[in-house]
Amino acid sequence: MVLPVNEQTHTSFAVQCTRRVGAEADWTAGGSDGVFDIFAITGGPIIVDYLFVTVTIDTIVGAATPLINFTPTGGAPVAICAEAASVAGDLVNGMLVWDGQLLGQLAPTAGDGIIDVTEMGWTNVGGAMVLVPGMIHSTNGAGGAAMTAGALVYYMLWRPTRQPCEVIAQ
């Protein structure tokens, strides 16, 4: 039996990585004025396998508290990650990892530059999150202060559900 074109499966569903380079300018004082876009999802739903953040450039100065939200196209924002602890003092090559649970916390790893298998959460147990087209944002949580030095780089490992799905760094 041959499936109609709109029901055929594709074979090019390899894991892809999209990277968004941040700057301290992204991180104003907490609340709604600290919102900035990280990734745009276009073309169809995607499967998110992993999301993590690295500290680059300088040791973080300023008690920013990252919070990740998702706004589906035409919808309202939804928190997909709980407000993290302050990143003040996080060192270059430090990492923050999200366990993939809705409202799970973006938390620092035990070792600089390493994500241990016990810190991997959902990827370790084969879980994933499906997101429709929309925008992933980062917010400096309500308790966060402005970041005056340092930068965070966001990485998302994802797979398309169909072509032409795309994740575009903002």
N, C-alpha and C. Protein backbone atom coordinates (compact mmCIF):
# COMPACT_ATOMS: atom_id res chain seq x y z
N MET A 1 0.85 -1.18 0.00
CA MET A 1 0.00 0.00 0.00
C MET A 1 0.89 1.24 0.00
N VAL A 2 0.60 2.19 -0.84
CA VAL A 2 1.35 3.44 -0.91
C VAL A 2 0.54 4.52 -0.21
N LEU A 3 1.19 5.19 0.73
CA LEU A 3 0.53 6.27 1.47
C LEU A 3 0.46 7.52 0.61
N PRO A 4 -0.59 8.32 0.76
CA PRO A 4 -0.61 9.61 0.07
C PRO A 4 0.59 10.45 0.51
N VAL A 5 1.00 11.38 -0.32
CA VAL A 5 2.19 12.20 -0.03
C VAL A 5 2.12 12.85 1.33
N ASN A 6 0.97 13.36 1.74
CA ASN A 6 0.87 14.06 3.02
C ASN A 6 0.91 13.11 4.22
N GLU A 7 0.94 11.80 3.99
CA GLU A 7 1.02 10.84 5.09
C GLU A 7 2.31 10.02 5.06
N GLN A 8 3.14 10.23 4.08
CA GLN A 8 4.38 9.47 4.02
C GLN A 8 5.35 9.97 5.07
N THR A 9 6.18 9.07 5.54
CA THR A 9 7.19 9.45 6.52
C THR A 9 8.48 9.83 5.82
N HIS A 10 9.28 10.61 6.50
CA HIS A 10 10.56 11.04 5.97
C HIS A 10 11.66 10.31 6.71
N THR A 11 12.82 10.22 6.11
CA THR A 11 13.93 9.51 6.76
C THR A 11 15.00 10.45 7.29
N SER A 12 14.86 11.76 7.09
CA SER A 12 15.89 12.71 7.50
C SER A 12 15.54 13.37 8.83
N PHE A 13 15.43 12.55 9.88
CA PHE A 13 15.06 13.05 11.18
C PHE A 13 16.21 12.99 12.17
N ALA A 14 17.41 13.26 11.69
CA ALA A 14 18.59 13.25 12.55
C ALA A 14 18.51 14.36 13.58
N VAL A 15 19.12 14.13 14.74
CA VAL A 15 19.18 15.15 15.78
C VAL A 15 19.98 16.34 15.26
N GLN A 16 19.47 17.52 15.49
CA GLN A 16 20.14 18.74 15.08
C GLN A 16 20.42 19.59 16.31
N CYS A 17 21.37 20.49 16.19
CA CYS A 17 21.72 21.37 17.30
C CYS A 17 21.61 22.82 16.83
N THR A 18 20.89 23.62 17.59
CA THR A 18 20.82 25.05 17.32
C THR A 18 21.40 25.77 18.53
N ARG A 19 22.23 26.77 18.26
CA ARG A 19 22.96 27.49 19.31
C ARG A 19 22.58 28.96 19.26
N ARG A 20 22.31 29.53 20.44
CA ARG A 20 22.00 30.97 20.53
C ARG A 20 22.99 31.60 21.49
N VAL A 21 23.80 32.51 20.98
CA VAL A 21 24.81 33.18 21.79
C VAL A 21 24.16 34.36 22.50
N GLY A 22 24.35 34.44 23.81
CA GLY A 22 23.76 35.50 24.61
C GLY A 22 24.79 36.54 25.01
N ALA A 23 24.33 37.57 25.68
CA ALA A 23 25.19 38.63 26.18
C ALA A 23 24.58 39.18 27.45
N GLU A 24 25.39 39.82 28.28
CA GLU A 24 24.83 40.37 29.52
C GLU A 24 23.73 41.39 29.24
N ALA A 25 23.75 42.00 28.05
CA ALA A 25 22.71 42.97 27.70
C ALA A 25 21.32 42.33 27.66
N ASP A 26 21.26 40.99 27.48
CA ASP A 26 19.97 40.30 27.50
C ASP A 26 19.32 40.37 28.87
N TRP A 27 20.12 40.53 29.89
CA TRP A 27 19.67 40.33 31.26
C TRP A 27 19.49 41.63 32.01
N THR A 28 18.37 42.28 31.79
CA THR A 28 18.05 43.45 32.59
C THR A 28 17.48 42.95 33.92
N ALA A 29 17.09 43.85 34.78
CA ALA A 29 16.53 43.43 36.08
C ALA A 29 15.32 42.53 35.87
N GLY A 30 14.97 41.76 36.89
CA GLY A 30 13.93 40.74 36.80
C GLY A 30 12.57 41.25 36.38
N GLY A 31 11.74 40.32 35.99
CA GLY A 31 10.38 40.64 35.56
C GLY A 31 10.28 40.70 34.05
N SER A 32 9.19 41.26 33.56
CA SER A 32 8.91 41.21 32.13
C SER A 32 9.91 41.99 31.28
N ASP A 33 10.62 42.95 31.86
CA ASP A 33 11.59 43.70 31.05
C ASP A 33 12.85 42.88 30.77
N GLY A 34 12.97 41.70 31.38
CA GLY A 34 14.13 40.85 31.15
C GLY A 34 13.86 39.74 30.16
N VAL A 35 12.79 39.83 29.34
CA VAL A 35 12.43 38.79 28.39
C VAL A 35 13.18 38.98 27.08
N PHE A 36 13.74 37.88 26.55
CA PHE A 36 14.33 37.94 25.21
C PHE A 36 14.14 36.59 24.52
N ASP A 37 14.03 36.63 23.18
CA ASP A 37 13.81 35.42 22.39
C ASP A 37 15.09 34.63 22.27
N ILE A 38 14.96 33.30 22.33
CA ILE A 38 16.12 32.42 22.15
C ILE A 38 16.02 31.66 20.84
N PHE A 39 14.91 30.93 20.64
CA PHE A 39 14.73 30.09 19.45
C PHE A 39 13.33 30.25 18.88
N ALA A 40 13.24 30.35 17.54
CA ALA A 40 11.95 30.33 16.85
C ALA A 40 11.79 28.95 16.23
N ILE A 41 10.60 28.36 16.39
CA ILE A 41 10.29 27.06 15.79
C ILE A 41 9.33 27.33 14.64
N THR A 42 9.69 26.86 13.45
CA THR A 42 8.86 27.10 12.26
C THR A 42 8.65 25.81 11.49
N GLY A 43 7.63 25.78 10.64
CA GLY A 43 7.43 24.70 9.70
C GLY A 43 6.71 23.47 10.21
N GLY A 44 6.52 23.35 11.51
CA GLY A 44 5.84 22.19 12.06
C GLY A 44 6.37 21.85 13.43
N PRO A 45 5.76 20.87 14.10
CA PRO A 45 6.22 20.49 15.44
C PRO A 45 7.63 19.91 15.41
N ILE A 46 8.34 20.07 16.53
CA ILE A 46 9.66 19.48 16.69
C ILE A 46 9.68 18.65 17.97
N ILE A 47 10.62 17.75 18.06
CA ILE A 47 10.85 16.96 19.26
C ILE A 47 12.12 17.51 19.90
N VAL A 48 12.01 18.03 21.11
CA VAL A 48 13.16 18.58 21.81
C VAL A 48 13.78 17.46 22.64
N ASP A 49 15.04 17.15 22.35
CA ASP A 49 15.74 16.10 23.08
C ASP A 49 16.52 16.63 24.27
N TYR A 50 16.98 17.89 24.19
CA TYR A 50 17.83 18.39 25.27
C TYR A 50 18.00 19.90 25.17
N LEU A 51 18.14 20.55 26.30
CA LEU A 51 18.40 21.98 26.35
C LEU A 51 19.40 22.23 27.47
N PHE A 52 20.51 22.89 27.12
CA PHE A 52 21.48 23.23 28.15
C PHE A 52 22.12 24.57 27.83
N VAL A 53 22.79 25.14 28.82
CA VAL A 53 23.36 26.48 28.72
C VAL A 53 24.80 26.43 29.21
N THR A 54 25.69 27.15 28.52
CA THR A 54 27.07 27.27 29.00
C THR A 54 27.38 28.72 29.31
N VAL A 55 28.30 28.92 30.26
CA VAL A 55 28.77 30.26 30.61
C VAL A 55 30.02 30.52 29.78
N THR A 56 30.05 31.65 29.09
CA THR A 56 31.22 32.01 28.27
C THR A 56 31.71 33.40 28.64
N ILE A 57 32.85 33.75 28.15
CA ILE A 57 33.48 35.07 28.26
C ILE A 57 34.01 35.35 29.66
N ASP A 58 33.14 35.62 30.63
CA ASP A 58 33.56 36.02 31.97
C ASP A 58 32.77 35.25 33.02
N THR A 59 33.30 35.26 34.22
CA THR A 59 32.52 34.81 35.36
C THR A 59 31.30 35.72 35.46
N ILE A 60 30.15 35.15 35.76
CA ILE A 60 28.90 35.92 35.82
C ILE A 60 28.92 36.90 36.99
N VAL A 61 28.60 38.15 36.68
CA VAL A 61 28.42 39.17 37.72
C VAL A 61 26.98 39.64 37.61
N GLY A 62 26.25 39.57 38.70
CA GLY A 62 24.83 39.92 38.69
C GLY A 62 24.01 38.66 38.91
N ALA A 63 23.01 38.76 39.74
CA ALA A 63 22.24 37.60 40.18
C ALA A 63 21.04 37.32 39.28
N ALA A 64 21.26 37.15 37.98
CA ALA A 64 20.18 36.79 37.07
C ALA A 64 19.66 35.40 37.43
N THR A 65 18.37 35.17 37.23
CA THR A 65 17.75 33.88 37.53
C THR A 65 16.98 33.40 36.30
N PRO A 66 17.63 32.63 35.40
CA PRO A 66 17.00 32.24 34.13
C PRO A 66 15.71 31.43 34.32
N LEU A 67 14.74 31.73 33.45
CA LEU A 67 13.46 31.04 33.39
C LEU A 67 13.15 30.89 31.91
N ILE A 68 12.76 29.68 31.45
CA ILE A 68 12.50 29.43 30.04
C ILE A 68 10.99 29.33 29.82
N ASN A 69 10.48 30.08 28.82
CA ASN A 69 9.06 30.07 28.46
C ASN A 69 8.92 29.69 27.00
N PHE A 70 7.74 29.19 26.64
CA PHE A 70 7.42 28.89 25.24
C PHE A 70 6.09 29.53 24.91
N THR A 71 6.03 30.23 23.78
CA THR A 71 4.78 30.82 23.31
C THR A 71 4.44 30.21 21.96
N PRO A 72 3.41 29.35 21.89
CA PRO A 72 3.02 28.82 20.58
C PRO A 72 2.48 29.95 19.70
N THR A 73 2.67 29.84 18.40
CA THR A 73 2.17 30.87 17.48
C THR A 73 0.68 31.08 17.73
N GLY A 74 0.31 32.32 18.03
CA GLY A 74 -1.08 32.67 18.29
C GLY A 74 -1.57 32.29 19.67
N GLY A 75 -0.66 31.83 20.54
CA GLY A 75 -1.06 31.40 21.88
C GLY A 75 -0.46 32.26 22.98
N ALA A 76 -0.62 31.81 24.20
CA ALA A 76 -0.11 32.51 25.37
C ALA A 76 1.16 31.84 25.88
N PRO A 77 2.06 32.60 26.53
CA PRO A 77 3.30 32.02 27.06
C PRO A 77 3.04 30.94 28.11
N VAL A 78 3.85 29.90 28.07
CA VAL A 78 3.80 28.80 29.03
C VAL A 78 5.20 28.59 29.58
N ALA A 79 5.35 28.54 30.89
CA ALA A 79 6.66 28.26 31.48
C ALA A 79 6.99 26.79 31.24
N ILE A 80 8.15 26.51 30.66
CA ILE A 80 8.57 25.12 30.49
C ILE A 80 9.71 24.76 31.43
N CYS A 81 10.18 25.74 32.18
CA CYS A 81 11.29 25.52 33.10
C CYS A 81 11.06 26.45 34.29
N ALA A 82 11.26 25.95 35.50
CA ALA A 82 11.09 26.78 36.69
C ALA A 82 12.25 27.77 36.78
N GLU A 83 12.03 28.84 37.52
CA GLU A 83 13.09 29.84 37.71
C GLU A 83 14.31 29.19 38.34
N ALA A 84 15.47 29.42 37.74
CA ALA A 84 16.72 28.85 38.23
C ALA A 84 17.22 29.63 39.44
N ALA A 85 18.14 29.02 40.14
CA ALA A 85 18.85 29.73 41.19
C ALA A 85 19.72 30.80 40.52
N SER A 86 20.19 31.74 41.25
CA SER A 86 21.03 32.81 40.71
C SER A 86 22.26 32.23 40.01
N VAL A 87 22.63 32.83 38.88
CA VAL A 87 23.84 32.41 38.17
C VAL A 87 25.04 33.26 38.57
N ALA A 88 24.87 34.16 39.54
CA ALA A 88 25.98 35.02 39.98
C ALA A 88 27.16 34.14 40.42
N GLY A 89 28.33 34.45 39.92
CA GLY A 89 29.54 33.73 40.30
C GLY A 89 29.79 32.48 39.49
N ASP A 90 28.86 32.09 38.59
CA ASP A 90 29.11 30.93 37.75
C ASP A 90 30.34 31.21 36.89
N LEU A 91 31.22 30.24 36.79
CA LEU A 91 32.50 30.41 36.12
C LEU A 91 32.41 30.11 34.63
N VAL A 92 33.39 30.61 33.87
CA VAL A 92 33.51 30.28 32.45
C VAL A 92 33.56 28.76 32.34
N ASN A 93 32.84 28.19 31.39
CA ASN A 93 32.68 26.76 31.15
C ASN A 93 31.72 26.10 32.12
N GLY A 94 31.14 26.86 33.05
CA GLY A 94 30.08 26.30 33.88
C GLY A 94 28.88 26.01 33.00
N MET A 95 28.05 25.07 33.43
CA MET A 95 26.90 24.68 32.62
C MET A 95 25.64 24.64 33.48
N LEU A 96 24.53 24.98 32.84
CA LEU A 96 23.21 24.83 33.44
C LEU A 96 22.48 23.80 32.59
N VAL A 97 21.79 22.89 33.23
CA VAL A 97 21.10 21.84 32.47
C VAL A 97 19.66 21.76 32.94
N TRP A 98 18.77 21.51 32.00
CA TRP A 98 17.35 21.36 32.30
C TRP A 98 17.02 19.88 32.22
N ASP A 99 16.29 19.35 33.18
CA ASP A 99 15.99 17.92 33.23
C ASP A 99 14.85 17.50 32.31
N GLY A 100 14.25 18.43 31.57
CA GLY A 100 13.22 18.10 30.61
C GLY A 100 11.82 17.99 31.18
N GLN A 101 11.68 18.12 32.48
CA GLN A 101 10.35 18.06 33.08
C GLN A 101 9.71 19.44 33.02
N LEU A 102 8.44 19.47 32.66
CA LEU A 102 7.73 20.73 32.65
C LEU A 102 7.86 21.35 34.04
N LEU A 103 8.36 22.55 34.08
CA LEU A 103 8.63 23.29 35.30
C LEU A 103 9.80 22.72 36.12
N GLY A 104 10.62 21.86 35.50
CA GLY A 104 11.87 21.45 36.15
C GLY A 104 12.82 22.63 36.15
N GLN A 105 13.74 22.67 37.08
CA GLN A 105 14.63 23.83 37.21
C GLN A 105 15.86 23.72 36.32
N LEU A 106 16.26 24.84 35.73
CA LEU A 106 17.52 24.96 35.01
C LEU A 106 18.58 25.07 36.10
N ALA A 107 19.42 24.06 36.25
CA ALA A 107 20.31 24.00 37.41
C ALA A 107 21.77 23.82 37.00
N PRO A 108 22.70 24.34 37.82
CA PRO A 108 24.12 24.18 37.50
C PRO A 108 24.54 22.72 37.63
N THR A 109 25.52 22.33 36.81
CA THR A 109 26.07 20.99 36.90
C THR A 109 27.14 20.95 37.99
N ALA A 110 27.46 19.76 38.43
CA ALA A 110 28.45 19.61 39.51
C ALA A 110 29.86 19.96 39.06
N GLY A 111 30.19 19.68 37.81
CA GLY A 111 31.54 19.96 37.31
C GLY A 111 31.51 20.95 36.16
N ASP A 112 32.50 21.83 36.12
CA ASP A 112 32.58 22.80 35.02
C ASP A 112 32.85 22.08 33.71
N GLY A 113 32.05 22.39 32.70
CA GLY A 113 32.27 21.84 31.36
C GLY A 113 31.80 20.41 31.18
N ILE A 114 31.11 19.83 32.17
CA ILE A 114 30.68 18.43 32.08
C ILE A 114 29.23 18.32 32.51
N ILE A 115 28.45 17.56 31.74
CA ILE A 115 27.11 17.19 32.18
C ILE A 115 27.15 15.70 32.46
N ASP A 116 27.06 15.34 33.71
CA ASP A 116 27.12 13.96 34.17
C ASP A 116 25.83 13.22 33.80
N VAL A 117 25.91 11.91 33.58
CA VAL A 117 24.74 11.13 33.19
C VAL A 117 23.60 11.26 34.20
N THR A 118 23.91 11.43 35.48
CA THR A 118 22.84 11.58 36.47
C THR A 118 22.17 12.95 36.40
N GLU A 119 22.81 13.92 35.74
CA GLU A 119 22.24 15.26 35.59
C GLU A 119 21.44 15.40 34.29
N MET A 120 21.50 14.39 33.44
CA MET A 120 20.89 14.50 32.12
C MET A 120 19.38 14.40 32.13
N GLY A 121 18.81 13.80 33.15
CA GLY A 121 17.36 13.73 33.23
C GLY A 121 16.73 12.99 32.08
N TRP A 122 15.84 13.65 31.36
CA TRP A 122 15.01 13.05 30.33
C TRP A 122 15.77 12.33 29.24
N THR A 123 16.87 12.86 28.74
CA THR A 123 17.60 12.20 27.67
C THR A 123 18.12 10.86 28.16
N ASN A 124 18.49 10.81 29.42
CA ASN A 124 19.02 9.59 30.01
C ASN A 124 17.97 8.48 30.02
N VAL A 125 16.70 8.83 30.12
CA VAL A 125 15.64 7.82 30.17
C VAL A 125 14.80 7.81 28.89
N GLY A 126 15.27 8.45 27.84
CA GLY A 126 14.60 8.40 26.55
C GLY A 126 13.40 9.31 26.41
N GLY A 127 13.26 10.30 27.28
CA GLY A 127 12.13 11.21 27.19
C GLY A 127 12.37 12.33 26.19
N ALA A 128 11.34 13.08 25.89
CA ALA A 128 11.44 14.22 24.99
C ALA A 128 10.22 15.10 25.19
N MET A 129 10.27 16.31 24.63
CA MET A 129 9.14 17.23 24.68
C MET A 129 8.82 17.63 23.24
N VAL A 130 7.55 17.67 22.90
CA VAL A 130 7.13 18.08 21.56
C VAL A 130 6.62 19.52 21.65
N LEU A 131 7.13 20.38 20.76
CA LEU A 131 6.70 21.78 20.70
C LEU A 131 6.21 22.10 19.30
N VAL A 132 5.09 22.79 19.21
CA VAL A 132 4.55 23.24 17.93
C VAL A 132 5.28 24.53 17.53
N PRO A 133 5.05 25.04 16.32
CA PRO A 133 5.69 26.31 15.95
C PRO A 133 5.39 27.42 16.96
N GLY A 134 6.40 28.21 17.23
CA GLY A 134 6.28 29.29 18.20
C GLY A 134 7.65 29.82 18.57
N MET A 135 7.75 30.43 19.75
CA MET A 135 8.99 31.07 20.19
C MET A 135 9.36 30.61 21.59
N ILE A 136 10.63 30.25 21.78
CA ILE A 136 11.16 29.95 23.10
C ILE A 136 11.87 31.21 23.59
N HIS A 137 11.52 31.63 24.81
CA HIS A 137 12.07 32.86 25.39
C HIS A 137 12.83 32.52 26.65
N SER A 138 13.74 33.40 27.02
CA SER A 138 14.35 33.33 28.34
C SER A 138 13.95 34.61 29.06
N THR A 139 13.69 34.47 30.33
CA THR A 139 13.29 35.59 31.16
C THR A 139 14.19 35.62 32.37
N ASN A 140 14.56 36.80 32.79
CA ASN A 140 15.22 36.94 34.08
C ASN A 140 14.09 36.90 35.09
N GLY A 141 14.06 35.85 35.91
CA GLY A 141 12.96 35.64 36.84
C GLY A 141 12.70 36.86 37.73
N ALA A 142 11.55 36.87 38.35
CA ALA A 142 11.11 38.01 39.16
C ALA A 142 12.12 38.41 40.22
N GLY A 143 12.87 37.44 40.74
CA GLY A 143 13.86 37.75 41.78
C GLY A 143 15.23 38.07 41.24
N GLY A 144 15.39 38.06 39.92
CA GLY A 144 16.71 38.23 39.33
C GLY A 144 17.17 39.66 39.21
N ALA A 145 18.47 39.87 39.38
CA ALA A 145 19.08 41.19 39.20
C ALA A 145 19.70 41.25 37.81
N ALA A 146 20.04 42.42 37.35
CA ALA A 146 20.68 42.57 36.04
C ALA A 146 22.05 41.90 36.05
N MET A 147 22.44 41.33 34.91
CA MET A 147 23.76 40.74 34.75
C MET A 147 24.66 41.81 34.14
N THR A 148 25.79 42.08 34.75
CA THR A 148 26.67 43.14 34.25
C THR A 148 27.94 42.61 33.62
N ALA A 149 28.19 41.33 33.73
CA ALA A 149 29.34 40.71 33.06
C ALA A 149 29.03 39.24 32.87
N GLY A 150 29.62 38.66 31.84
CA GLY A 150 29.40 37.25 31.54
C GLY A 150 28.36 37.08 30.45
N ALA A 151 28.26 35.89 29.93
CA ALA A 151 27.29 35.60 28.88
C ALA A 151 26.90 34.14 28.95
N LEU A 152 25.66 33.86 28.58
CA LEU A 152 25.16 32.49 28.52
C LEU A 152 24.91 32.14 27.05
N VAL A 153 25.28 30.91 26.68
CA VAL A 153 25.02 30.41 25.33
C VAL A 153 24.06 29.23 25.46
N TYR A 154 22.94 29.30 24.75
CA TYR A 154 21.90 28.27 24.81
C TYR A 154 22.08 27.28 23.68
N TYR A 155 21.93 26.00 23.99
CA TYR A 155 21.99 24.93 23.00
C TYR A 155 20.72 24.11 23.11
N MET A 156 20.13 23.78 21.97
CA MET A 156 18.97 22.90 21.96
C MET A 156 19.21 21.80 20.94
N LEU A 157 19.10 20.55 21.39
CA LEU A 157 19.16 19.40 20.51
C LEU A 157 17.72 19.01 20.19
N TRP A 158 17.43 18.89 18.90
CA TRP A 158 16.04 18.69 18.50
C TRP A 158 15.97 17.88 17.21
N ARG A 159 14.76 17.34 16.95
CA ARG A 159 14.51 16.58 15.72
C ARG A 159 13.23 17.10 15.07
N PRO A 160 13.22 17.20 13.75
CA PRO A 160 12.00 17.61 13.06
C PRO A 160 10.99 16.46 13.05
N THR A 161 9.70 16.78 13.02
CA THR A 161 8.68 15.75 12.86
C THR A 161 8.29 15.61 11.40
N ARG A 162 8.60 16.62 10.63
CA ARG A 162 8.35 16.61 9.18
C ARG A 162 9.21 17.71 8.57
N GLN A 163 9.29 17.73 7.28
CA GLN A 163 10.01 18.78 6.59
C GLN A 163 9.02 19.86 6.19
N PRO A 164 9.29 21.11 6.23
CA PRO A 164 10.56 21.75 6.58
C PRO A 164 10.57 22.36 7.98
N CYS A 165 10.62 21.57 9.01
CA CYS A 165 10.72 22.10 10.38
C CYS A 165 12.09 22.75 10.56
N GLU A 166 12.12 23.81 11.34
CA GLU A 166 13.36 24.52 11.56
C GLU A 166 13.36 25.17 12.95
N VAL A 167 14.54 25.24 13.56
CA VAL A 167 14.73 26.00 14.80
C VAL A 167 15.75 27.06 14.47
N ILE A 168 15.39 28.32 14.67
CA ILE A 168 16.25 29.44 14.28
C ILE A 168 16.64 30.23 15.53
N ALA A 169 17.95 30.37 15.75
CA ALA A 169 18.43 31.16 16.88
C ALA A 169 18.04 32.62 16.67
N GLN A 170 17.62 33.27 17.73
CA GLN A 170 17.17 34.67 17.64
C GLN A 170 18.23 35.63 18.14
